[in-house]
Amino acid sequence: MSCRKNGILLSILLLLLILSSASPLLADFITVLLGTDPSGDAHPASLDILKVYIANNGTHFKFILECRGTPAPSFFRAYIVWMDTKGGSFSDYCLVADGLSGLYEIKVVDGTIIIRYKAPIVVTVEDKRIHLMAKLSDIEYPSGVKEIVGVIATTYQFTPKGKKAPTRSPFGDGTIPKGPEDIPKIPHFKIKDRAPDTGRYTVAREVIPELPGITPFIFIPSVIIAIYIIYKKKFQTDGK
């Protein structure tokens, strides 16, 4: 009987071990508030940014935009977070939530802004918050990220002005005109809200720990192994 109990216990513990390390997304996200933005400075409410958060779990990072209304990304409305990871005067990456979401790499070549699709992202909407999640490795973290990262969150609305509605995202391989300050101008899209209104939010690279998710991956298996040893000894004692 004790052998059978041992076998069942071992199977359960091994299953827990596999589940605890099967996906990095099971690790808890560490969330930090980057800053706030005035309420009512953009309409409709779904495009009015109130708060901007950054979060990570050691392998993935995400920006969370809290709006006055429920966010509704589409071909007509875009939610974009711009990142300066190289310590320059212009953004290097942007996370885009619209009709064709993704992580885009930004380069300035002879004064021309070139934006290219780099990797997929996961976009989710929860109540009045929109989450834009990407892999840390896709932005070359940590070696390719400077000590201080600049962040700008924006929302956009399609403005026809005699043009046909877009059939795809305004982003993709190609050039985009340079806009004011340090973010490009998106053709046929009007910026509705910018957080912060001027300048950038800044976040230290250390706030995006390299491996915050590694702790539970060490702790959980250790606890499982300890429990197994304790129960095994107990079964051996009871069987004598």
Protein backbone atom coordinates (compact mmCIF):
# COMPACT_ATOMS: atom_id res chain seq x y z
CA MET A 1 0.00 0.00 0.00
CA SER A 2 2.80 2.44 0.90
CA CYS A 3 4.46 1.82 -2.49
CA ARG A 4 1.20 2.67 -4.22
CA LYS A 5 0.86 5.86 -2.15
CA ASN A 6 4.44 6.77 -2.98
CA GLY A 7 3.75 6.30 -6.68
CA ILE A 8 0.62 8.47 -6.59
CA LEU A 9 2.38 11.17 -4.59
CA LEU A 10 5.35 11.17 -6.94
CA SER A 11 3.06 11.47 -9.97
CA ILE A 12 1.23 14.44 -8.44
CA LEU A 13 4.46 16.20 -7.49
CA LEU A 14 5.99 15.67 -10.91
CA LEU A 15 2.84 17.08 -12.51
CA LEU A 16 3.02 20.16 -10.30
CA LEU A 17 6.69 20.57 -11.17
CA ILE A 18 5.96 20.41 -14.90
CA LEU A 19 3.08 22.87 -14.62
CA SER A 20 5.12 25.32 -12.55
CA SER A 21 7.85 25.55 -15.18
CA ALA A 22 5.98 24.75 -18.37
CA SER A 23 5.30 28.38 -19.27
CA PRO A 24 7.03 31.60 -18.19
CA LEU A 25 3.63 33.27 -18.38
CA LEU A 26 2.69 31.42 -15.19
CA ALA A 27 5.12 33.64 -13.30
CA ASP A 28 3.58 36.69 -11.64
CA PHE A 29 3.99 40.05 -13.34
CA ILE A 30 5.65 42.84 -11.38
CA THR A 31 3.67 46.02 -12.13
CA VAL A 32 4.96 49.58 -11.76
CA LEU A 33 3.02 52.82 -12.33
CA LEU A 34 4.95 55.01 -14.77
CA GLY A 35 2.69 58.02 -14.51
CA THR A 36 -0.75 59.58 -14.83
CA ASP A 37 -2.43 61.78 -17.43
CA PRO A 38 -5.27 64.30 -17.02
CA SER A 39 -8.82 63.01 -17.39
CA GLY A 40 -11.04 64.53 -20.07
CA ASP A 41 -8.28 65.84 -22.34
CA ALA A 42 -9.26 63.43 -25.14
CA HIS A 43 -12.53 62.18 -26.65
CA PRO A 44 -14.03 59.64 -26.94
CA ALA A 45 -13.38 58.27 -23.45
CA SER A 46 -11.92 55.05 -24.89
CA LEU A 47 -8.96 57.07 -26.23
CA ASP A 48 -8.41 59.14 -23.09
CA ILE A 49 -5.37 57.78 -21.21
CA LEU A 50 -5.46 58.13 -17.42
CA LYS A 51 -2.58 55.92 -16.21
CA VAL A 52 0.37 54.09 -17.75
CA TYR A 53 1.92 50.99 -16.16
CA ILE A 54 4.81 48.73 -17.10
CA ALA A 55 4.97 45.11 -15.96
CA ASN A 56 7.20 42.09 -16.51
CA ASN A 57 7.64 38.50 -15.41
CA GLY A 58 11.26 37.94 -16.40
CA THR A 59 10.64 36.78 -19.97
CA HIS A 60 7.82 39.08 -21.10
CA PHE A 61 7.00 42.72 -20.50
CA LYS A 62 3.83 44.64 -21.08
CA PHE A 63 2.44 48.13 -20.96
CA ILE A 64 -0.96 48.68 -19.43
CA LEU A 65 -2.92 51.77 -20.47
CA GLU A 66 -5.85 52.65 -18.24
CA CYS A 67 -8.38 54.76 -20.12
CA ARG A 68 -11.50 56.72 -19.18
CA GLY A 69 -13.59 54.31 -21.26
CA THR A 70 -13.16 50.75 -22.48
CA PRO A 71 -10.33 50.62 -25.08
CA ALA A 72 -11.38 49.45 -28.55
CA PRO A 73 -8.39 48.85 -30.86
CA SER A 74 -9.29 48.54 -34.55
CA PHE A 75 -8.28 49.73 -38.01
CA PHE A 76 -9.77 53.09 -36.98
CA ARG A 77 -8.35 53.39 -33.46
CA ALA A 78 -4.79 52.68 -32.42
CA TYR A 79 -3.06 52.43 -29.05
CA ILE A 80 0.69 52.83 -29.35
CA VAL A 81 3.50 52.82 -26.76
CA TRP A 82 6.82 54.26 -27.95
CA MET A 83 10.08 53.17 -26.32
CA ASP A 84 13.53 54.74 -26.40
CA THR A 85 15.80 51.87 -25.33
CA LYS A 86 19.06 53.17 -26.79
CA GLY A 87 19.32 56.47 -24.95
CA GLY A 88 18.85 58.55 -28.11
CA SER A 89 16.54 61.40 -29.08
CA PHE A 90 14.06 59.16 -30.88
CA SER A 91 12.09 56.02 -30.12
CA ASP A 92 13.60 52.63 -31.07
CA TYR A 93 10.51 50.43 -30.72
CA CYS A 94 6.77 50.76 -30.51
CA LEU A 95 4.06 48.36 -29.42
CA VAL A 96 0.96 48.81 -31.53
CA ALA A 97 -2.58 47.69 -30.77
CA ASP A 98 -4.87 48.27 -33.75
CA GLY A 99 -6.17 46.22 -36.66
CA LEU A 100 -2.77 44.58 -37.06
CA SER A 101 -1.00 44.61 -33.71
CA GLY A 102 2.71 43.98 -33.24
CA LEU A 103 6.11 45.12 -32.04
CA TYR A 104 7.80 47.44 -34.54
CA GLU A 105 11.42 48.52 -34.76
CA ILE A 106 12.13 52.16 -35.56
CA LYS A 107 15.23 53.49 -37.29
CA VAL A 108 16.17 56.93 -38.55
CA VAL A 109 18.13 56.77 -41.79
CA ASP A 110 19.23 60.09 -43.33
CA GLY A 111 16.42 61.87 -41.55
CA THR A 112 13.79 59.38 -42.71
CA ILE A 113 11.82 57.32 -40.19
CA ILE A 114 11.71 53.64 -41.11
CA ILE A 115 9.34 51.43 -39.15
CA ARG A 116 9.43 47.66 -39.64
CA TYR A 117 7.40 44.89 -38.10
CA LYS A 118 9.55 42.79 -35.79
CA ALA A 119 7.45 40.43 -33.68
CA PRO A 120 3.91 39.63 -32.60
CA ILE A 121 2.50 40.90 -29.33
CA VAL A 122 -0.46 39.87 -27.20
CA VAL A 123 -3.19 42.48 -26.81
CA THR A 124 -5.94 42.07 -24.21
CA VAL A 125 -8.62 44.40 -22.93
CA GLU A 126 -9.80 44.12 -19.34
CA ASP A 127 -12.50 46.58 -18.33
CA LYS A 128 -10.92 50.00 -18.97
CA ARG A 129 -7.37 48.74 -19.39
CA ILE A 130 -5.56 47.56 -22.49
CA HIS A 131 -2.49 45.32 -22.15
CA LEU A 132 0.24 45.20 -24.81
CA MET A 133 2.65 42.33 -24.09
CA ALA A 134 5.88 41.37 -25.89
CA LYS A 135 8.98 39.28 -25.23
CA LEU A 136 11.94 40.95 -23.52
CA SER A 137 14.24 39.18 -25.97
CA ASP A 138 12.52 40.95 -28.89
CA ILE A 139 13.91 44.28 -27.68
CA GLU A 140 17.35 42.73 -27.05
CA TYR A 141 16.98 42.94 -23.29
CA PRO A 142 19.16 43.30 -21.31
CA SER A 143 22.29 43.89 -23.42
CA GLY A 144 20.55 46.10 -25.98
CA VAL A 145 18.74 48.30 -23.46
CA LYS A 146 20.30 51.37 -21.84
CA GLU A 147 20.06 52.15 -18.14
CA ILE A 148 17.14 54.56 -18.60
CA VAL A 149 14.23 53.79 -20.93
CA GLY A 150 11.96 56.56 -22.23
CA VAL A 151 8.26 55.79 -22.70
CA ILE A 152 5.43 57.67 -24.43
CA ALA A 153 1.88 56.30 -24.65
CA THR A 154 -0.46 57.55 -27.37
CA THR A 155 -3.90 56.95 -28.84
CA TYR A 156 -4.97 57.67 -32.42
CA GLN A 157 -8.20 58.08 -34.38
CA PHE A 158 -8.52 57.66 -38.14
CA THR A 159 -9.37 60.95 -39.87
CA PRO A 160 -10.66 60.49 -43.45
CA LYS A 161 -10.06 63.96 -44.95
CA GLY A 162 -11.28 62.66 -48.27
CA LYS A 163 -9.24 59.47 -48.04
CA LYS A 164 -10.55 55.92 -48.01
CA ALA A 165 -10.63 54.09 -44.70
CA PRO A 166 -7.50 51.99 -44.14
CA THR A 167 -7.73 48.28 -44.98
CA ARG A 168 -4.65 47.46 -42.92
CA SER A 169 -2.54 48.88 -40.14
CA PRO A 170 -0.66 52.11 -40.97
CA PHE A 171 2.42 50.25 -39.77
CA GLY A 172 4.52 47.85 -41.79
CA ASP A 173 7.72 47.78 -43.79
CA GLY A 174 8.18 51.27 -45.15
CA THR A 175 8.73 54.90 -44.23
CA ILE A 176 6.61 57.15 -42.07
CA PRO A 177 6.94 60.95 -41.88
CA LYS A 178 8.62 62.42 -38.88
CA GLY A 179 6.29 64.15 -36.45
CA PRO A 180 6.81 66.63 -33.63
CA GLU A 181 9.28 65.92 -30.87
CA ASP A 182 10.33 62.27 -30.74
CA ILE A 183 7.45 60.24 -32.22
CA PRO A 184 6.55 59.84 -35.91
CA LYS A 185 3.46 61.23 -37.55
CA ILE A 186 1.01 58.48 -38.56
CA PRO A 187 -0.54 59.17 -42.00
CA HIS A 188 -4.34 59.70 -41.89
CA PHE A 189 -4.41 59.22 -38.12
CA LYS A 190 -4.88 62.06 -35.65
CA ILE A 191 -3.27 61.77 -32.24
CA LYS A 192 -6.00 61.93 -29.61
CA ASP A 193 -4.05 61.63 -26.39
CA ARG A 194 -0.42 61.63 -25.37
CA ALA A 195 0.85 60.54 -21.98
CA PRO A 196 2.72 62.41 -20.73
CA ASP A 197 1.57 65.58 -22.49
CA THR A 198 5.20 66.60 -22.99
CA GLY A 199 8.47 64.79 -22.52
CA ARG A 200 8.57 61.12 -21.54
CA TYR A 201 8.02 58.79 -18.69
CA THR A 202 11.29 57.23 -17.66
CA VAL A 203 11.94 53.84 -16.14
CA ALA A 204 15.25 52.47 -14.92
CA ARG A 205 16.33 49.22 -16.54
CA GLU A 206 16.54 47.69 -13.07
CA VAL A 207 12.78 48.13 -12.72
CA ILE A 208 12.55 45.51 -15.46
CA PRO A 209 14.48 42.82 -13.55
CA GLU A 210 16.32 40.39 -15.76
CA LEU A 211 14.78 37.31 -14.19
CA PRO A 212 12.17 38.11 -11.55
CA GLY A 213 10.34 34.96 -12.60
CA ILE A 214 13.28 32.69 -11.80
CA THR A 215 12.63 32.78 -8.06
CA PRO A 216 9.37 30.80 -8.12
CA PHE A 217 10.94 28.36 -10.61
CA ILE A 218 13.62 27.60 -8.02
CA PHE A 219 11.38 27.86 -4.95
CA ILE A 220 8.44 25.77 -6.18
CA PRO A 221 10.50 22.70 -7.22
CA SER A 222 12.44 22.94 -3.96
CA VAL A 223 9.23 22.88 -1.94
CA ILE A 224 7.87 20.01 -4.01
CA ILE A 225 11.03 17.96 -3.51
CA ALA A 226 11.04 18.69 0.24
CA ILE A 227 7.39 17.61 0.54
CA TYR A 228 8.13 14.42 -1.36
CA ILE A 229 11.06 13.53 0.90
CA ILE A 230 9.00 14.22 4.06
CA TYR A 231 6.07 12.10 2.87
CA LYS A 232 8.35 9.33 1.67
CA LYS A 233 10.00 9.11 5.10
CA LYS A 234 6.59 9.18 6.76
CA PHE A 235 5.33 6.30 4.61
CA GLN A 236 8.48 4.31 5.32
CA THR A 237 8.04 4.87 9.07
CA ASP A 238 4.34 3.93 8.96
CA GLY A 239 5.15 0.76 7.00
CA LYS A 240 7.51 -0.58 9.60
